[in-house]
Amino acid sequence: MHIQKMLALDTSTATMAAALLEGTSIINTIQSSEERNHSIRLNPTMQAMLTEQGWTGSQIDGIAVGIGPGSYTGVRISVTAAKTLAWAWRKPVVGVSSLHALALSGLAAAAHGKEMSTLAVETTNDSELSFACHAPVRIYPIMDARRGQVYTASFDINGQPLITGRLSLQEACTRQSVDGIRMLVDIADEAAQALENNPELHIIFAGDVDQHRAKLEELQAVFGTRIHLESSALDAAWIGILGLARLLVDDTDEVHHLEPNYTQLTEAETKLKQQQQGQ
């Protein structure tokens, strides 16, 4: 499949994220953490980005969207928008893990920070993301899910360069656990065990770090500079890169069957299920 121009979007978190890519080059990316009104702002933001670039819907080759997990309402907004545009423009659409994109967003953000110098992380130009970790790294993207819970997964960076121009993501970034909702204390215990088992391992927590900083800093007190805390927003450029990797091998989603990954039942659904079970 010939893919050049990509639109990527995600509203699974408090940040509304959108990006335009041409091939693996990032043309424009927006992260807005203003008052959470994604349903009002998403479409005008996307249209403004396309207009500024001089692109039209007919010129877009594919659409990538983060399908969660995350905010129940938020995830639905971007998935519905992506499905609507894909149907109207008759373009392929792919859903990708918002947590996977958050993990890569956090790693990319950390690559610009001084704290990561011990890993010899290197970056190149701004249009094509490229960096390498010269020590084993595990990254936990976390989205706050309240009551001490987080949406999370885990990914290992195995030392090979992550170069979007060669789309080497699958080889360089290996998923270790599925997207889900877990207690942060359990993740902290799991991370501590991994660090004890591998003295060279570094662990990055990326995303909603500030909401859980106290517990994560307890890990830092024990393991020092091997724990990296990256309070970072999701960058839709990574939604696009992950989506592009699927589109290039003709792995697309049927527009009417694309659904969000809610991970857990909503409160209303939970009550309904309890009522049904009580009958």
Protein backbone atom coordinates (compact mmCIF):
# COMPACT_ATOMS: atom_id res chain seq x y z
CA MET A 1 0.00 0.00 0.00
CA HIS A 2 1.33 3.42 -0.98
CA ILE A 3 1.03 5.68 2.04
CA GLN A 4 2.35 9.23 2.10
CA LYS A 5 0.07 11.63 3.95
CA MET A 6 -1.26 10.54 7.35
CA LEU A 7 -3.65 12.09 9.86
CA ALA A 8 -3.28 10.85 13.44
CA LEU A 9 -5.38 11.68 16.48
CA ASP A 10 -5.94 10.68 20.10
CA THR A 11 -8.24 11.93 22.85
CA SER A 12 -7.84 9.10 25.37
CA THR A 13 -6.14 11.36 27.93
CA ALA A 14 -6.54 14.91 29.22
CA THR A 15 -4.42 15.95 26.24
CA MET A 16 -6.03 16.33 22.84
CA ALA A 17 -3.37 15.21 20.36
CA ALA A 18 -3.30 15.40 16.57
CA ALA A 19 -0.55 15.10 14.00
CA LEU A 20 0.13 15.19 10.29
CA LEU A 21 2.84 12.99 8.82
CA GLU A 22 4.25 12.59 5.34
CA GLY A 23 5.93 9.25 5.14
CA THR A 24 7.81 9.03 8.42
CA SER A 25 8.42 12.77 8.61
CA ILE A 26 6.39 14.73 11.14
CA ILE A 27 4.78 17.71 9.41
CA ASN A 28 2.84 19.07 12.37
CA THR A 29 1.88 17.86 15.83
CA ILE A 30 -0.41 19.47 18.39
CA GLN A 31 -0.85 18.67 22.07
CA SER A 32 -3.50 20.69 23.87
CA SER A 33 -4.05 20.35 27.59
CA GLU A 34 -6.63 23.11 27.86
CA GLU A 35 -10.01 22.54 29.49
CA ARG A 36 -11.16 19.07 28.57
CA ASN A 37 -13.63 19.74 25.76
CA HIS A 38 -12.22 17.43 23.12
CA SER A 39 -15.59 16.92 21.48
CA ILE A 40 -15.80 20.64 20.64
CA ARG A 41 -12.19 21.29 19.71
CA LEU A 42 -11.00 18.18 17.87
CA ASN A 43 -12.62 18.71 14.46
CA PRO A 44 -11.75 22.44 14.18
CA THR A 45 -8.17 21.65 15.22
CA MET A 46 -7.79 18.94 12.58
CA GLN A 47 -9.31 21.14 9.88
CA ALA A 48 -7.01 24.03 10.82
CA MET A 49 -3.96 21.75 10.61
CA LEU A 50 -4.98 20.49 7.17
CA THR A 51 -5.73 24.00 5.91
CA GLU A 52 -2.43 25.35 7.19
CA GLN A 53 -0.59 22.60 5.32
CA GLY A 54 -2.72 22.99 2.21
CA TRP A 55 -3.98 19.41 2.43
CA THR A 56 -7.51 18.23 1.73
CA GLY A 57 -9.29 15.11 2.85
CA SER A 58 -8.92 13.59 -0.59
CA GLN A 59 -5.13 13.91 -0.31
CA ILE A 60 -4.93 12.00 2.98
CA ASP A 61 -3.75 8.43 2.41
CA GLY A 62 -4.62 7.00 5.82
CA ILE A 63 -5.94 7.77 9.29
CA ALA A 64 -4.53 6.44 12.56
CA VAL A 65 -6.34 6.78 15.87
CA GLY A 66 -5.58 5.87 19.45
CA ILE A 67 -8.24 3.44 20.67
CA GLY A 68 -7.36 3.62 24.35
CA PRO A 69 -7.51 2.49 26.98
CA GLY A 70 -8.18 5.73 28.82
CA SER A 71 -11.03 8.11 29.42
CA TYR A 72 -14.27 6.37 28.41
CA THR A 73 -15.74 9.50 26.85
CA GLY A 74 -12.43 10.72 25.48
CA VAL A 75 -11.60 7.54 23.60
CA ARG A 76 -15.00 7.53 21.92
CA ILE A 77 -14.51 11.08 20.62
CA SER A 78 -11.39 10.39 18.56
CA VAL A 79 -12.49 6.94 17.41
CA THR A 80 -15.82 8.31 16.22
CA ALA A 81 -14.06 11.19 14.45
CA ALA A 82 -11.59 8.84 12.74
CA LYS A 83 -14.36 6.48 11.59
CA THR A 84 -16.43 9.38 10.26
CA LEU A 85 -13.53 10.85 8.29
CA ALA A 86 -12.44 7.44 6.97
CA TRP A 87 -15.96 6.78 5.71
CA ALA A 88 -16.45 10.28 4.26
CA TRP A 89 -13.05 10.39 2.57
CA ARG A 90 -13.04 6.67 1.70
CA LYS A 91 -9.63 6.21 3.29
CA PRO A 92 -8.13 3.32 5.31
CA VAL A 93 -8.18 3.63 9.09
CA VAL A 94 -6.20 1.82 11.79
CA GLY A 95 -6.61 1.80 15.53
CA VAL A 96 -3.50 1.60 17.70
CA SER A 97 -2.85 1.33 21.41
CA SER A 98 -2.82 4.73 23.10
CA LEU A 99 -0.58 3.25 25.79
CA HIS A 100 1.95 2.11 23.18
CA ALA A 101 2.04 5.63 21.77
CA LEU A 102 2.34 7.10 25.28
CA ALA A 103 5.29 4.80 26.00
CA LEU A 104 7.11 5.99 22.89
CA SER A 105 6.13 9.61 23.60
CA GLY A 106 7.62 9.32 27.06
CA LEU A 107 10.80 7.73 25.78
CA ALA A 108 11.19 10.42 23.12
CA ALA A 109 10.62 13.16 25.72
CA ALA A 110 13.11 11.54 28.08
CA ALA A 111 15.69 11.42 25.30
CA HIS A 112 15.84 15.22 25.44
CA GLY A 113 16.40 15.28 29.19
CA LYS A 114 19.62 15.27 31.17
CA GLU A 115 18.44 12.42 33.41
CA MET A 116 18.70 9.95 30.53
CA SER A 117 22.35 10.71 29.81
CA THR A 118 23.35 7.54 31.64
CA LEU A 119 21.61 5.56 28.90
CA ALA A 120 23.43 7.37 26.09
CA VAL A 121 20.16 8.18 24.38
CA GLU A 122 20.73 10.03 21.14
CA THR A 123 18.36 12.02 18.96
CA THR A 124 18.68 13.28 15.42
CA ASN A 125 16.56 15.75 13.48
CA ASP A 126 13.08 16.84 14.58
CA SER A 127 11.19 15.57 11.53
CA GLU A 128 12.23 11.92 11.90
CA LEU A 129 12.39 10.49 15.40
CA SER A 130 15.55 8.52 16.03
CA PHE A 131 17.15 7.43 19.27
CA ALA A 132 18.83 4.44 20.86
CA CYS A 133 19.23 3.13 24.40
CA HIS A 134 22.58 1.58 25.16
CA ALA A 135 21.29 -0.17 28.27
CA PRO A 136 18.22 -2.35 28.75
CA VAL A 137 15.15 -0.20 29.36
CA ARG A 138 11.62 -1.10 30.39
CA ILE A 139 8.95 1.55 30.07
CA TYR A 140 5.60 1.68 31.82
CA PRO A 141 3.17 4.19 30.29
CA ILE A 142 0.62 5.14 32.94
CA MET A 143 -2.72 6.90 32.71
CA ASP A 144 -4.44 7.70 35.99
CA ALA A 145 -7.58 5.58 36.52
CA ARG A 146 -8.32 6.79 40.08
CA ARG A 147 -8.38 4.93 43.38
CA GLY A 148 -4.70 4.05 43.06
CA GLN A 149 -5.24 2.42 39.68
CA VAL A 150 -3.63 3.16 36.32
CA TYR A 151 -4.11 2.08 32.75
CA THR A 152 -0.78 0.58 31.79
CA ALA A 153 1.29 -1.96 29.88
CA SER A 154 5.01 -2.59 29.68
CA PHE A 155 7.49 -2.43 26.82
CA ASP A 156 11.17 -3.36 26.62
CA ILE A 157 13.65 -1.35 24.57
CA ASN A 158 16.28 -3.86 23.56
CA GLY A 159 19.10 -1.57 22.52
CA GLN A 160 18.43 -1.35 18.81
CA PRO A 161 17.87 2.18 17.50
CA LEU A 162 14.28 3.32 17.19
CA ILE A 163 14.41 4.98 13.80
CA THR A 164 11.06 5.89 12.31
CA GLY A 165 12.59 6.25 8.87
CA ARG A 166 13.18 2.50 8.89
CA LEU A 167 10.10 1.72 10.98
CA SER A 168 12.14 -0.57 13.21
CA LEU A 169 9.66 -0.23 16.08
CA GLN A 170 8.69 -3.88 16.30
CA GLU A 171 12.31 -4.99 16.63
CA ALA A 172 13.37 -2.21 18.96
CA CYS A 173 10.30 -1.93 21.21
CA THR A 174 8.89 -5.23 22.42
CA ARG A 175 5.56 -5.42 24.24
CA GLN A 176 5.83 -7.33 27.52
CA SER A 177 2.25 -7.08 28.78
CA VAL A 178 -1.17 -6.29 27.36
CA ASP A 179 -3.00 -3.03 27.94
CA GLY A 180 -5.01 -3.14 31.14
CA ILE A 181 -5.89 -1.50 34.43
CA ARG A 182 -3.76 -2.31 37.48
CA MET A 183 -2.98 -1.05 40.95
CA LEU A 184 0.09 1.16 40.89
CA VAL A 185 1.50 -0.55 43.98
CA ASP A 186 1.52 -3.85 42.08
CA ILE A 187 3.38 -2.27 39.19
CA ALA A 188 5.91 -0.78 41.59
CA ASP A 189 6.50 -4.20 43.16
CA GLU A 190 6.90 -5.75 39.69
CA ALA A 191 9.38 -3.05 38.68
CA ALA A 192 11.39 -3.50 41.87
CA GLN A 193 11.64 -7.25 41.25
CA ALA A 194 12.80 -6.68 37.67
CA LEU A 195 15.46 -4.22 38.80
CA GLU A 196 16.73 -6.63 41.43
CA ASN A 197 16.91 -9.43 38.86
CA ASN A 198 18.80 -7.32 36.30
CA PRO A 199 21.37 -4.86 37.73
CA GLU A 200 21.73 -3.13 34.34
CA LEU A 201 18.03 -2.50 33.79
CA HIS A 202 16.57 1.01 33.80
CA ILE A 203 12.84 1.66 34.14
CA ILE A 204 10.92 4.66 32.85
CA PHE A 205 7.47 5.61 34.08
CA ALA A 206 5.85 7.93 31.54
CA GLY A 207 2.55 9.78 31.40
CA ASP A 208 0.51 10.66 34.48
CA VAL A 209 3.53 10.50 36.76
CA ASP A 210 2.67 13.51 38.92
CA GLN A 211 -0.52 11.93 40.26
CA HIS A 212 1.54 8.99 41.56
CA ARG A 213 4.86 10.67 42.24
CA ALA A 214 5.00 9.86 45.94
CA LYS A 215 4.90 6.10 45.38
CA LEU A 216 7.26 6.24 42.41
CA GLU A 217 9.77 8.32 44.33
CA GLU A 218 9.89 5.54 46.90
CA LEU A 219 11.30 3.37 44.11
CA GLN A 220 13.77 6.10 43.23
CA ALA A 221 14.94 6.20 46.84
CA VAL A 222 15.87 2.52 46.57
CA PHE A 223 17.15 2.25 42.99
CA GLY A 224 18.38 5.79 42.35
CA THR A 225 19.07 6.83 38.77
CA ARG A 226 17.80 3.54 37.39
CA ILE A 227 14.25 4.87 37.88
CA HIS A 228 13.24 7.65 35.48
CA LEU A 229 10.03 9.63 35.96
CA GLU A 230 8.80 11.33 32.80
CA SER A 231 5.64 13.39 33.20
CA SER A 232 4.80 13.50 29.52
CA ALA A 233 1.79 13.97 27.27
CA LEU A 234 0.87 11.63 24.45
CA ASP A 235 2.25 12.79 21.10
CA ALA A 236 -0.03 11.86 18.20
CA ALA A 237 3.01 11.60 15.94
CA TRP A 238 3.57 8.19 17.54
CA ILE A 239 -0.05 7.26 16.84
CA GLY A 240 0.76 8.02 13.21
CA ILE A 241 4.02 6.08 13.20
CA LEU A 242 2.42 3.02 14.77
CA GLY A 243 -0.50 3.29 12.37
CA LEU A 244 1.78 3.69 9.38
CA ALA A 245 3.58 0.47 10.28
CA ARG A 246 0.23 -1.35 10.01
CA LEU A 247 -0.93 0.41 6.87
CA LEU A 248 2.27 -0.40 5.00
CA VAL A 249 1.49 -4.12 5.30
CA ASP A 250 -2.18 -3.62 4.43
CA ASP A 251 -3.27 -4.31 8.00
CA THR A 252 -6.31 -2.05 8.30
CA ASP A 253 -9.49 -1.97 10.37
CA GLU A 254 -12.95 -2.19 8.86
CA VAL A 255 -14.36 1.27 9.52
CA HIS A 256 -17.69 0.10 10.96
CA HIS A 257 -16.04 -2.47 13.24
CA LEU A 258 -13.35 -0.25 14.76
CA GLU A 259 -14.10 0.05 18.48
CA PRO A 260 -12.38 1.66 21.48
CA ASN A 261 -10.53 -0.45 24.03
CA TYR A 262 -12.40 0.54 27.17
CA THR A 263 -10.57 -2.04 29.33
CA GLN A 264 -13.22 -1.90 32.04
CA LEU A 265 -16.96 -1.47 32.25
CA THR A 266 -18.30 2.00 32.85
CA GLU A 267 -19.99 2.66 36.19
CA ALA A 268 -23.41 2.57 34.52
CA GLU A 269 -22.62 -0.74 32.82
CA THR A 270 -21.32 -2.18 36.09
CA LYS A 271 -24.53 -1.26 37.93
CA LEU A 272 -26.64 -2.69 35.11
CA LYS A 273 -24.68 -5.93 35.16
CA GLN A 274 -25.09 -6.17 38.94
CA GLN A 275 -28.83 -5.59 38.60
CA GLN A 276 -29.08 -8.25 35.90
CA GLN A 277 -27.13 -10.73 38.01
CA GLY A 278 -29.43 -10.02 40.97
CA GLN A 279 -32.52 -10.85 38.96
